[in-house]
Amino acid sequence: EALAPGQPARTLRLAVGIDDVVPKELAQRLIAPALALGARRVRLSCQEGTLERLTAALAVHDLDVVLSDAPVPASLGIRAHSQRLGGCGVSWMGHRSLVRSLRARFPDSLHGAPVLLPTDDTAIRRALDQWFERQELRPLVVGEFEDYALLREFARAGSGLIPVPDVIGGLKDAAGLEALGPARPVEAQYFAVTLHRETSHPAVAALRSGASALFATPGRAAP
């Protein structure tokens, strides 16, 4: 019946694991091309969690692909392929009142300023800690978060500055945040983790190919 002329194509299931540190707006943009396959209707299933938990689910075929900010480390003992989807710069953003009080002397004004950061087991946090050290800055770490969405909510409430990938910097108005300045040369990188280098899953292939266009023209945070 499925092969008969005029019959709708069978639904294609796509199970995606999203590392907590990956911004939800970015995850949606990465997955969108996979949902736009003309010949197949795709049914999306998303799980969120740590890279360790998600790769364990990938290993038993509960997931088709995992989106992460880092390749799978060898210490996890899982044989998987991590394909780099792209990377972009990172900018500091925060509530308007906080940003405007710090803008004049940036980046020196970050010394003692309140910041909200991803947890120290993430690639972006390690890069930012090195950036602080190079800049000889000691900000006040108000909070550390596994979940990027929660981190951003505290920033919207004025609790501190947060690092935002420039690829989603154009969403600052919707998020109620304002840009302070870049954390050059820190770069946020994102990966698609699969069990095999080559995948026969058409939706995963569409996700991978769509990422190149997304990161080629990243959203730019205001100066």
C-alpha atoms as a PDB file:
ATOM      1  CA  GLU A   1       0.000   0.000   0.000  1.00  0.00           C
ATOM      2  CA  ALA A   2       2.836   2.365   0.804  1.00  0.00           C
ATOM      3  CA  LEU A   3       4.345   1.835  -2.666  1.00  0.00           C
ATOM      4  CA  ALA A   4       1.071   2.207  -4.557  1.00  0.00           C
ATOM      5  CA  PRO A   5       0.717   5.397  -6.662  1.00  0.00           C
ATOM      6  CA  GLY A   6      -0.998   8.202  -4.809  1.00  0.00           C
ATOM      7  CA  GLN A   7      -0.329   6.725  -1.381  1.00  0.00           C
ATOM      8  CA  PRO A   8       1.398   8.988   1.163  1.00  0.00           C
ATOM      9  CA  ALA A   9       4.993   8.124   1.979  1.00  0.00           C
ATOM     10  CA  ARG A  10       5.678   6.427   5.271  1.00  0.00           C
ATOM     11  CA  THR A  11       6.689   8.640   8.158  1.00  0.00           C
ATOM     12  CA  LEU A  12      10.436   8.872   8.777  1.00  0.00           C
ATOM     13  CA  ARG A  13      11.400   8.984  12.451  1.00  0.00           C
ATOM     14  CA  LEU A  14      14.247  11.272  13.487  1.00  0.00           C
ATOM     15  CA  ALA A  15      15.485  10.970  17.064  1.00  0.00           C
ATOM     16  CA  VAL A  16      17.826  13.806  18.059  1.00  0.00           C
ATOM     17  CA  GLY A  17      19.734  14.209  21.300  1.00  0.00           C
ATOM     18  CA  ILE A  18      20.520  17.820  22.242  1.00  0.00           C
ATOM     19  CA  ASP A  19      23.327  18.522  24.673  1.00  0.00           C
ATOM     20  CA  ASP A  20      22.074  20.848  27.414  1.00  0.00           C
ATOM     21  CA  VAL A  21      24.714  23.451  26.591  1.00  0.00           C
ATOM     22  CA  VAL A  22      23.513  23.846  22.984  1.00  0.00           C
ATOM     23  CA  PRO A  23      21.150  26.883  22.750  1.00  0.00           C
ATOM     24  CA  LYS A  24      17.621  25.807  21.885  1.00  0.00           C
ATOM     25  CA  GLU A  25      17.339  28.410  19.109  1.00  0.00           C
ATOM     26  CA  LEU A  26      20.423  26.972  17.463  1.00  0.00           C
ATOM     27  CA  ALA A  27      19.163  23.400  17.824  1.00  0.00           C
ATOM     28  CA  GLN A  28      15.913  24.385  16.101  1.00  0.00           C
ATOM     29  CA  ARG A  29      17.789  25.993  13.211  1.00  0.00           C
ATOM     30  CA  LEU A  30      20.034  22.974  12.799  1.00  0.00           C
ATOM     31  CA  ILE A  31      17.133  20.514  12.779  1.00  0.00           C
ATOM     32  CA  ALA A  32      14.846  22.569  10.503  1.00  0.00           C
ATOM     33  CA  PRO A  33      16.336  21.302   7.183  1.00  0.00           C
ATOM     34  CA  ALA A  34      15.714  17.727   8.317  1.00  0.00           C
ATOM     35  CA  LEU A  35      11.997  18.468   8.656  1.00  0.00           C
ATOM     36  CA  ALA A  36      11.790  19.950   5.162  1.00  0.00           C
ATOM     37  CA  LEU A  37      12.388  16.762   3.176  1.00  0.00           C
ATOM     38  CA  GLY A  38      10.004  16.979   0.258  1.00  0.00           C
ATOM     39  CA  ALA A  39       9.517  13.263  -0.322  1.00  0.00           C
ATOM     40  CA  ARG A  40       9.120  12.112   3.293  1.00  0.00           C
ATOM     41  CA  ARG A  41       7.152  13.230   6.299  1.00  0.00           C
ATOM     42  CA  VAL A  42       9.475  13.405   9.290  1.00  0.00           C
ATOM     43  CA  ARG A  43       8.381  12.762  12.850  1.00  0.00           C
ATOM     44  CA  LEU A  44      10.810  14.405  15.242  1.00  0.00           C
ATOM     45  CA  SER A  45      11.709  13.108  18.695  1.00  0.00           C
ATOM     46  CA  CYS A  46      14.069  15.181  20.872  1.00  0.00           C
ATOM     47  CA  GLN A  47      15.887  14.298  24.071  1.00  0.00           C
ATOM     48  CA  GLU A  48      17.981  16.660  26.155  1.00  0.00           C
ATOM     49  CA  GLY A  49      20.743  15.853  28.592  1.00  0.00           C
ATOM     50  CA  THR A  50      24.464  15.586  29.111  1.00  0.00           C
ATOM     51  CA  LEU A  51      26.736  14.385  26.334  1.00  0.00           C
ATOM     52  CA  GLU A  52      27.513  11.250  28.343  1.00  0.00           C
ATOM     53  CA  ARG A  53      23.843  10.266  28.701  1.00  0.00           C
ATOM     54  CA  LEU A  54      22.977  11.108  25.107  1.00  0.00           C
ATOM     55  CA  THR A  55      25.871   9.177  23.585  1.00  0.00           C
ATOM     56  CA  ALA A  56      24.879   6.171  25.689  1.00  0.00           C
ATOM     57  CA  ALA A  57      21.418   6.389  24.105  1.00  0.00           C
ATOM     58  CA  LEU A  58      23.039   6.756  20.691  1.00  0.00           C
ATOM     59  CA  ALA A  59      25.097   3.595  21.252  1.00  0.00           C
ATOM     60  CA  VAL A  60      21.934   1.480  21.734  1.00  0.00           C
ATOM     61  CA  HIS A  61      20.232   3.127  18.719  1.00  0.00           C
ATOM     62  CA  ASP A  62      17.685   5.099  20.746  1.00  0.00           C
ATOM     63  CA  LEU A  63      18.983   8.216  18.965  1.00  0.00           C
ATOM     64  CA  ASP A  64      20.002   8.856  15.362  1.00  0.00           C
ATOM     65  CA  VAL A  65      22.228  11.867  16.046  1.00  0.00           C
ATOM     66  CA  VAL A  66      23.440  13.988  18.963  1.00  0.00           C
ATOM     67  CA  LEU A  67      24.054  17.745  18.752  1.00  0.00           C
ATOM     68  CA  SER A  68      26.892  18.862  21.011  1.00  0.00           C
ATOM     69  CA  ASP A  69      29.433  21.639  21.536  1.00  0.00           C
ATOM     70  CA  ALA A  70      32.295  19.124  21.580  1.00  0.00           C
ATOM     71  CA  PRO A  71      33.299  15.834  19.965  1.00  0.00           C
ATOM     72  CA  VAL A  72      32.762  12.661  21.971  1.00  0.00           C
ATOM     73  CA  PRO A  73      35.786  12.179  24.248  1.00  0.00           C
ATOM     74  CA  ALA A  74      37.561   8.837  24.190  1.00  0.00           C
ATOM     75  CA  SER A  75      37.022   8.559  27.956  1.00  0.00           C
ATOM     76  CA  LEU A  76      33.337   7.738  27.376  1.00  0.00           C
ATOM     77  CA  GLY A  77      34.335   4.499  25.703  1.00  0.00           C
ATOM     78  CA  ILE A  78      31.792   4.889  22.887  1.00  0.00           C
ATOM     79  CA  ARG A  79      32.886   4.463  19.289  1.00  0.00           C
ATOM     80  CA  ALA A  80      31.140   7.307  17.506  1.00  0.00           C
ATOM     81  CA  HIS A  81      31.919   9.788  14.774  1.00  0.00           C
ATOM     82  CA  SER A  82      31.833  13.517  15.582  1.00  0.00           C
ATOM     83  CA  GLN A  83      31.393  15.740  12.529  1.00  0.00           C
ATOM     84  CA  ARG A  84      32.021  19.443  13.007  1.00  0.00           C
ATOM     85  CA  LEU A  85      28.971  21.348  11.802  1.00  0.00           C
ATOM     86  CA  GLY A  86      30.509  24.793  12.166  1.00  0.00           C
ATOM     87  CA  GLY A  87      31.666  27.443  14.563  1.00  0.00           C
ATOM     88  CA  CYS A  88      31.186  31.124  15.343  1.00  0.00           C
ATOM     89  CA  GLY A  89      32.382  33.870  17.632  1.00  0.00           C
ATOM     90  CA  VAL A  90      30.984  34.480  21.101  1.00  0.00           C
ATOM     91  CA  SER A  91      29.742  37.786  22.535  1.00  0.00           C
ATOM     92  CA  TRP A  92      28.828  38.915  26.029  1.00  0.00           C
ATOM     93  CA  MET A  93      25.192  39.916  26.457  1.00  0.00           C
ATOM     94  CA  GLY A  94      22.971  40.869  29.342  1.00  0.00           C
ATOM     95  CA  HIS A  95      20.130  43.006  30.593  1.00  0.00           C
ATOM     96  CA  ARG A  96      20.167  46.507  29.164  1.00  0.00           C
ATOM     97  CA  SER A  97      20.877  48.261  32.483  1.00  0.00           C
ATOM     98  CA  LEU A  98      23.848  46.006  33.258  1.00  0.00           C
ATOM     99  CA  VAL A  99      25.333  46.223  29.768  1.00  0.00           C
ATOM    100  CA  ARG A 100      25.187  50.008  29.646  1.00  0.00           C
ATOM    101  CA  SER A 101      26.964  50.324  32.982  1.00  0.00           C
ATOM    102  CA  LEU A 102      29.867  48.214  31.693  1.00  0.00           C
ATOM    103  CA  ARG A 103      30.185  49.342  28.078  1.00  0.00           C
ATOM    104  CA  ALA A 104      32.617  52.255  28.515  1.00  0.00           C
ATOM    105  CA  ARG A 105      35.619  50.207  29.670  1.00  0.00           C
ATOM    106  CA  PHE A 106      34.924  46.827  28.061  1.00  0.00           C
ATOM    107  CA  PRO A 107      36.554  44.335  28.383  1.00  0.00           C
ATOM    108  CA  ASP A 108      38.281  45.670  31.511  1.00  0.00           C
ATOM    109  CA  SER A 109      34.838  46.396  32.971  1.00  0.00           C
ATOM    110  CA  LEU A 110      34.239  42.631  33.256  1.00  0.00           C
ATOM    111  CA  HIS A 111      36.655  42.541  36.210  1.00  0.00           C
ATOM    112  CA  GLY A 112      34.330  42.007  39.179  1.00  0.00           C
ATOM    113  CA  ALA A 113      31.212  42.084  36.977  1.00  0.00           C
ATOM    114  CA  PRO A 114      28.524  39.405  37.505  1.00  0.00           C
ATOM    115  CA  VAL A 115      28.578  36.593  34.931  1.00  0.00           C
ATOM    116  CA  LEU A 116      26.504  33.473  34.372  1.00  0.00           C
ATOM    117  CA  LEU A 117      28.415  30.597  32.792  1.00  0.00           C
ATOM    118  CA  PRO A 118      27.954  27.073  31.504  1.00  0.00           C
ATOM    119  CA  THR A 119      29.317  24.395  33.836  1.00  0.00           C
ATOM    120  CA  ASP A 120      33.031  23.682  33.788  1.00  0.00           C
ATOM    121  CA  ASP A 121      32.629  20.337  31.988  1.00  0.00           C
ATOM    122  CA  THR A 122      31.726  22.098  28.726  1.00  0.00           C
ATOM    123  CA  ALA A 123      34.066  23.136  25.922  1.00  0.00           C
ATOM    124  CA  ILE A 124      32.806  26.719  25.816  1.00  0.00           C
ATOM    125  CA  ARG A 125      33.367  27.173  29.559  1.00  0.00           C
ATOM    126  CA  ARG A 126      36.959  26.004  29.297  1.00  0.00           C
ATOM    127  CA  ALA A 127      37.560  28.420  26.421  1.00  0.00           C
ATOM    128  CA  LEU A 128      36.045  31.303  28.389  1.00  0.00           C
ATOM    129  CA  ASP A 129      38.102  30.525  31.501  1.00  0.00           C
ATOM    130  CA  GLN A 130      41.252  30.715  29.345  1.00  0.00           C
ATOM    131  CA  TRP A 131      40.012  34.007  27.873  1.00  0.00           C
ATOM    132  CA  PHE A 132      39.558  35.484  31.356  1.00  0.00           C
ATOM    133  CA  GLU A 133      43.056  34.411  32.273  1.00  0.00           C
ATOM    134  CA  ARG A 134      44.595  35.949  29.149  1.00  0.00           C
ATOM    135  CA  GLN A 135      42.705  39.186  29.742  1.00  0.00           C
ATOM    136  CA  GLU A 136      43.695  39.140  33.443  1.00  0.00           C
ATOM    137  CA  LEU A 137      40.043  39.435  34.431  1.00  0.00           C
ATOM    138  CA  ARG A 138      38.326  38.016  37.496  1.00  0.00           C
ATOM    139  CA  PRO A 139      34.565  38.344  37.050  1.00  0.00           C
ATOM    140  CA  LEU A 140      32.073  37.452  39.763  1.00  0.00           C
ATOM    141  CA  VAL A 141      30.626  34.069  38.808  1.00  0.00           C
ATOM    142  CA  VAL A 142      27.050  34.346  40.052  1.00  0.00           C
ATOM    143  CA  GLY A 143      25.836  31.030  38.652  1.00  0.00           C
ATOM    144  CA  GLU A 144      26.786  27.973  36.625  1.00  0.00           C
ATOM    145  CA  PHE A 145      24.235  26.126  34.494  1.00  0.00           C
ATOM    146  CA  GLU A 146      24.027  22.877  32.561  1.00  0.00           C
ATOM    147  CA  ASP A 147      20.968  24.102  30.671  1.00  0.00           C
ATOM    148  CA  TYR A 148      21.517  27.081  28.366  1.00  0.00           C
ATOM    149  CA  ALA A 149      17.836  28.077  28.378  1.00  0.00           C
ATOM    150  CA  LEU A 150      17.867  28.472  32.160  1.00  0.00           C
ATOM    151  CA  LEU A 151      21.129  30.431  31.998  1.00  0.00           C
ATOM    152  CA  ARG A 152      19.500  32.866  29.589  1.00  0.00           C
ATOM    153  CA  GLU A 153      16.426  33.316  31.789  1.00  0.00           C
ATOM    154  CA  PHE A 154      18.618  34.464  34.671  1.00  0.00           C
ATOM    155  CA  ALA A 155      20.367  36.874  32.305  1.00  0.00           C
ATOM    156  CA  ARG A 156      17.010  38.311  31.226  1.00  0.00           C
ATOM    157  CA  ALA A 157      16.249  38.928  34.898  1.00  0.00           C
ATOM    158  CA  GLY A 158      19.458  40.968  35.206  1.00  0.00           C
ATOM    159  CA  SER A 159      21.486  38.488  37.276  1.00  0.00           C
ATOM    160  CA  GLY A 160      24.579  38.687  35.094  1.00  0.00           C
ATOM    161  CA  LEU A 161      26.197  38.633  31.672  1.00  0.00           C
ATOM    162  CA  ILE A 162      26.152  35.498  29.528  1.00  0.00           C
ATOM    163  CA  PRO A 163      28.195  34.254  26.543  1.00  0.00           C
ATOM    164  CA  VAL A 164      26.044  34.043  23.393  1.00  0.00           C
ATOM    165  CA  PRO A 165      27.132  32.407  20.119  1.00  0.00           C
ATOM    166  CA  ASP A 166      27.083  35.006  17.355  1.00  0.00           C
ATOM    167  CA  VAL A 167      25.104  32.635  15.133  1.00  0.00           C
ATOM    168  CA  ILE A 168      22.052  33.380  17.314  1.00  0.00           C
ATOM    169  CA  GLY A 169      23.052  36.921  18.274  1.00  0.00           C
ATOM    170  CA  GLY A 170      20.295  38.302  16.059  1.00  0.00           C
ATOM    171  CA  LEU A 171      17.718  36.953  18.512  1.00  0.00           C
ATOM    172  CA  LYS A 172      18.824  39.337  21.234  1.00  0.00           C
ATOM    173  CA  ASP A 173      15.738  41.542  20.955  1.00  0.00           C
ATOM    174  CA  ALA A 174      13.363  38.613  21.380  1.00  0.00           C
ATOM    175  CA  ALA A 175      15.387  37.426  24.355  1.00  0.00           C
ATOM    176  CA  GLY A 176      15.374  40.851  26.006  1.00  0.00           C
ATOM    177  CA  LEU A 177      19.169  41.052  25.989  1.00  0.00           C
ATOM    178  CA  GLU A 178      21.660  43.610  24.730  1.00  0.00           C
ATOM    179  CA  ALA A 179      25.191  43.018  23.407  1.00  0.00           C
ATOM    180  CA  LEU A 180      28.202  44.252  25.367  1.00  0.00           C
ATOM    181  CA  GLY A 181      31.138  43.059  23.256  1.00  0.00           C
ATOM    182  CA  PRO A 182      32.954  40.061  21.753  1.00  0.00           C
ATOM    183  CA  ALA A 183      35.093  37.522  23.574  1.00  0.00           C
ATOM    184  CA  ARG A 184      37.616  37.261  20.743  1.00  0.00           C
ATOM    185  CA  PRO A 185      39.121  34.882  19.771  1.00  0.00           C
ATOM    186  CA  VAL A 186      36.839  32.446  21.630  1.00  0.00           C
ATOM    187  CA  GLU A 187      34.823  30.318  19.222  1.00  0.00           C
ATOM    188  CA  ALA A 188      31.767  28.179  19.924  1.00  0.00           C
ATOM    189  CA  GLN A 189      31.857  24.956  17.928  1.00  0.00           C
ATOM    190  CA  TYR A 190      29.089  22.477  17.276  1.00  0.00           C
ATOM    191  CA  PHE A 191      29.137  18.826  16.258  1.00  0.00           C
ATOM    192  CA  ALA A 192      26.799  16.142  14.987  1.00  0.00           C
ATOM    193  CA  VAL A 193      27.612  12.840  16.651  1.00  0.00           C
ATOM    194  CA  THR A 194      26.571   9.628  14.896  1.00  0.00           C
ATOM    195  CA  LEU A 195      27.596   5.997  15.205  1.00  0.00           C
ATOM    196  CA  HIS A 196      29.059   5.936  11.707  1.00  0.00           C
ATOM    197  CA  ARG A 197      30.937   8.424   9.561  1.00  0.00           C
ATOM    198  CA  GLU A 198      28.473   7.940   6.711  1.00  0.00           C
ATOM    199  CA  THR A 199      24.769   7.833   7.487  1.00  0.00           C
ATOM    200  CA  SER A 200      21.926   6.413   5.424  1.00  0.00           C
ATOM    201  CA  HIS A 201      19.362   8.462   7.341  1.00  0.00           C
ATOM    202  CA  PRO A 202      18.196  11.191   4.909  1.00  0.00           C
ATOM    203  CA  ALA A 203      17.077  13.551   7.674  1.00  0.00           C
ATOM    204  CA  VAL A 204      20.473  13.388   9.392  1.00  0.00           C
ATOM    205  CA  ALA A 205      22.152  14.035   6.032  1.00  0.00           C
ATOM    206  CA  ALA A 206      19.900  17.079   5.525  1.00  0.00           C
ATOM    207  CA  LEU A 207      20.794  18.356   8.998  1.00  0.00           C
ATOM    208  CA  ARG A 208      24.488  18.095   8.241  1.00  0.00           C
ATOM    209  CA  SER A 209      24.292  19.798   4.858  1.00  0.00           C
ATOM    210  CA  GLY A 210      22.049  22.581   6.157  1.00  0.00           C
ATOM    211  CA  ALA A 211      24.526  23.465   8.899  1.00  0.00           C
ATOM    212  CA  SER A 212      27.118  24.718   6.430  1.00  0.00           C
ATOM    213  CA  ALA A 213      24.740  27.421   5.206  1.00  0.00           C
ATOM    214  CA  LEU A 214      23.734  28.361   8.744  1.00  0.00           C
ATOM    215  CA  PHE A 215      27.284  28.943   9.947  1.00  0.00           C
ATOM    216  CA  ALA A 216      28.370  30.618   6.703  1.00  0.00           C
ATOM    217  CA  THR A 217      26.247  33.675   7.550  1.00  0.00           C
ATOM    218  CA  PRO A 218      25.963  33.754  11.341  1.00  0.00           C
ATOM    219  CA  GLY A 219      23.792  36.291  13.101  1.00  0.00           C
ATOM    220  CA  ARG A 220      25.973  39.132  14.321  1.00  0.00           C
ATOM    221  CA  ALA A 221      25.708  40.621  17.753  1.00  0.00           C
ATOM    222  CA  ALA A 222      25.578  44.381  17.918  1.00  0.00           C
ATOM    223  CA  PRO A 223      28.932  46.094  18.670  1.00  0.00           C
END
